[in-house]
Amino acid sequence: MGKTYFCDYCGRSFQDNLHNRKKHLQGVQHQRAKKFWFDSFRDNATILVEELAKKPCRKFLQSGQCDFGANCKFSHMTDEDIQKLRQKVEEPTGLISSTLEYYIENPSMKIQLSKMTDQTLTLMNGWQREPKEKKIICTPVTWK
């Protein structure tokens, strides 16, 4: 027998040839597994925006279950869930401020901070430095 192909998304293996691989990659089960995998890495702000755009699922609100499950095009979040998610989005993360404050407050770290490039500071949790005044300011960074 020839090579076998293992799909990391589905956890399935099959004989690796063009027909089998194409059939598998276009299959509904693979598409769902792939979507589930990438959805697990979405941030809270994205989830909130998508859930607010959806209408609530009547079946889920009535019985607490939906036949479509994760594939339902309606929202399965209650008002409490949305409020909790909104609080997580609006809550500032302590990692950003604590990391920068550590560099600013420790004299030995100030030298390292001044040597950092703008790109390094941008990657360091979204902080940017004004190059002329050598001030550190918090400006939102959009990732493209």
Protein backbone atom coordinates (compact mmCIF):
# COMPACT_ATOMS: atom_id res chain seq x y z
CA MET A 1 0.00 0.00 0.00
CA GLY A 2 1.19 3.58 -0.70
CA LYS A 3 1.52 6.56 1.58
CA THR A 4 -1.18 7.44 4.05
CA TYR A 5 -2.39 10.95 4.76
CA PHE A 6 -3.37 11.95 8.31
CA CYS A 7 -5.70 14.92 8.73
CA ASP A 8 -4.88 16.79 11.94
CA TYR A 9 -8.27 18.53 11.98
CA CYS A 10 -10.37 15.37 11.71
CA GLY A 11 -8.00 12.83 13.24
CA ARG A 12 -8.49 10.51 10.27
CA SER A 13 -6.04 8.82 7.98
CA PHE A 14 -6.56 7.50 4.46
CA GLN A 15 -4.58 6.46 1.42
CA ASP A 16 -2.86 9.52 0.00
CA ASN A 17 -3.75 10.14 -3.60
CA LEU A 18 -5.17 13.16 -5.38
CA HIS A 19 -8.76 11.86 -5.51
CA ASN A 20 -8.98 10.82 -1.84
CA ARG A 21 -7.31 13.96 -0.52
CA LYS A 22 -9.48 16.27 -2.63
CA LYS A 23 -12.62 14.39 -1.59
CA HIS A 24 -11.66 14.61 2.07
CA LEU A 25 -10.66 18.29 2.02
CA GLN A 26 -13.96 19.25 0.38
CA GLY A 27 -16.04 17.10 2.73
CA VAL A 28 -18.48 18.56 5.23
CA GLN A 29 -16.93 16.77 8.21
CA HIS A 30 -13.46 18.18 7.40
CA GLN A 31 -14.83 21.69 6.85
CA ARG A 32 -16.61 21.59 10.23
CA ALA A 33 -13.55 20.24 12.04
CA LYS A 34 -11.33 22.89 10.44
CA LYS A 35 -13.77 25.68 11.35
CA PHE A 36 -13.98 24.40 14.94
CA TRP A 37 -10.17 24.38 15.18
CA PHE A 38 -9.74 27.96 13.97
CA ASP A 39 -12.71 29.22 16.01
CA SER A 40 -10.95 28.09 19.16
CA PHE A 41 -8.32 30.83 18.57
CA ARG A 42 -10.72 33.76 18.12
CA ASP A 43 -10.47 36.62 20.58
CA ASN A 44 -13.34 37.72 22.81
CA ALA A 45 -13.99 40.95 20.88
CA THR A 46 -14.55 39.05 17.63
CA ILE A 47 -16.84 36.56 19.32
CA LEU A 48 -18.86 39.38 20.90
CA VAL A 49 -19.34 41.21 17.60
CA GLU A 50 -20.43 38.02 15.83
CA GLU A 51 -22.82 36.99 18.60
CA LEU A 52 -24.44 40.43 18.74
CA ALA A 53 -25.06 40.28 14.99
CA LYS A 54 -26.91 36.94 15.28
CA LYS A 55 -30.53 36.50 16.29
CA PRO A 56 -31.14 34.27 19.33
CA CYS A 57 -31.93 30.61 18.62
CA ARG A 58 -35.55 29.96 19.64
CA LYS A 59 -35.08 26.21 20.00
CA PHE A 60 -32.07 26.71 22.28
CA LEU A 61 -33.87 29.31 24.42
CA GLN A 62 -36.94 27.06 24.84
CA SER A 63 -35.31 23.72 25.53
CA GLY A 64 -31.64 24.47 26.21
CA GLN A 65 -30.62 22.29 23.25
CA CYS A 66 -30.38 22.77 19.53
CA ASP A 67 -30.20 20.05 16.87
CA PHE A 68 -27.63 22.07 14.92
CA GLY A 69 -25.27 22.57 17.86
CA ALA A 70 -22.15 24.57 16.98
CA ASN A 71 -23.27 24.75 13.34
CA CYS A 72 -26.43 26.72 14.16
CA LYS A 73 -26.57 30.10 12.44
CA PHE A 74 -28.36 31.61 15.45
CA SER A 75 -26.84 32.64 18.77
CA HIS A 76 -26.85 30.22 21.69
CA MET A 77 -25.67 32.84 24.19
CA THR A 78 -27.97 34.09 26.91
CA ASP A 79 -28.03 37.73 28.02
CA GLU A 80 -25.83 36.77 30.99
CA ASP A 81 -23.26 35.14 28.69
CA ILE A 82 -23.14 38.23 26.50
CA GLN A 83 -22.72 40.50 29.54
CA LYS A 84 -19.84 38.34 30.83
CA LEU A 85 -18.21 38.40 27.40
CA ARG A 86 -18.66 42.17 27.17
CA GLN A 87 -16.96 42.58 30.56
CA LYS A 88 -14.02 40.46 29.40
CA VAL A 89 -13.65 42.60 26.29
CA GLU A 90 -13.85 45.91 28.17
CA GLU A 91 -11.61 44.76 31.03
CA PRO A 92 -8.02 45.92 30.49
CA THR A 93 -5.44 43.19 30.58
CA GLY A 94 -2.93 43.55 33.38
CA LEU A 95 -0.15 42.00 31.32
CA ILE A 96 0.25 45.01 29.05
CA SER A 97 0.51 47.62 31.76
CA SER A 98 2.51 45.49 34.20
CA THR A 99 5.12 44.58 31.57
CA LEU A 100 5.65 48.19 30.56
CA GLU A 101 5.63 49.47 34.14
CA TYR A 102 8.30 46.94 35.05
CA TYR A 103 10.56 48.30 32.32
CA ILE A 104 9.91 51.90 33.29
CA GLU A 105 10.30 51.54 37.07
CA ASN A 106 13.52 49.51 37.10
CA PRO A 107 16.55 51.73 36.31
CA SER A 108 18.52 48.90 34.74
CA MET A 109 15.61 48.14 32.42
CA LYS A 110 15.32 51.75 31.19
CA ILE A 111 18.46 51.25 29.12
CA GLN A 112 17.00 48.16 27.53
CA LEU A 113 13.72 49.97 26.88
CA SER A 114 15.48 52.86 25.15
CA LYS A 115 17.32 50.40 22.90
CA MET A 116 14.11 48.73 21.77
CA THR A 117 12.93 49.51 18.30
CA ASP A 118 9.45 50.70 17.47
CA GLN A 119 8.66 47.29 16.05
CA THR A 120 9.68 45.55 19.28
CA LEU A 121 7.48 47.85 21.34
CA THR A 122 4.61 47.31 18.92
CA LEU A 123 4.93 43.57 19.30
CA MET A 124 5.16 43.93 23.06
CA ASN A 125 1.42 43.76 23.67
CA GLY A 126 0.44 46.68 21.43
CA TRP A 127 2.54 49.51 22.90
CA GLN A 128 4.20 52.03 20.61
CA ARG A 129 6.90 54.62 21.24
CA GLU A 130 7.07 58.10 19.81
CA PRO A 131 10.53 58.22 18.26
CA LYS A 132 11.24 61.97 18.58
CA GLU A 133 10.32 62.55 22.22
CA LYS A 134 11.23 59.05 23.42
CA LYS A 135 7.95 58.85 25.30
CA ILE A 136 5.98 55.72 25.66
CA ILE A 137 2.36 56.07 24.81
CA CYS A 138 -0.47 53.60 24.54
CA THR A 139 -2.01 53.64 21.10
CA PRO A 140 -4.18 50.90 19.68
CA VAL A 141 -2.41 48.72 17.18
CA THR A 142 -4.41 47.21 14.35
CA TRP A 143 -3.11 43.96 12.96
CA LYS A 144 -3.58 43.43 9.27
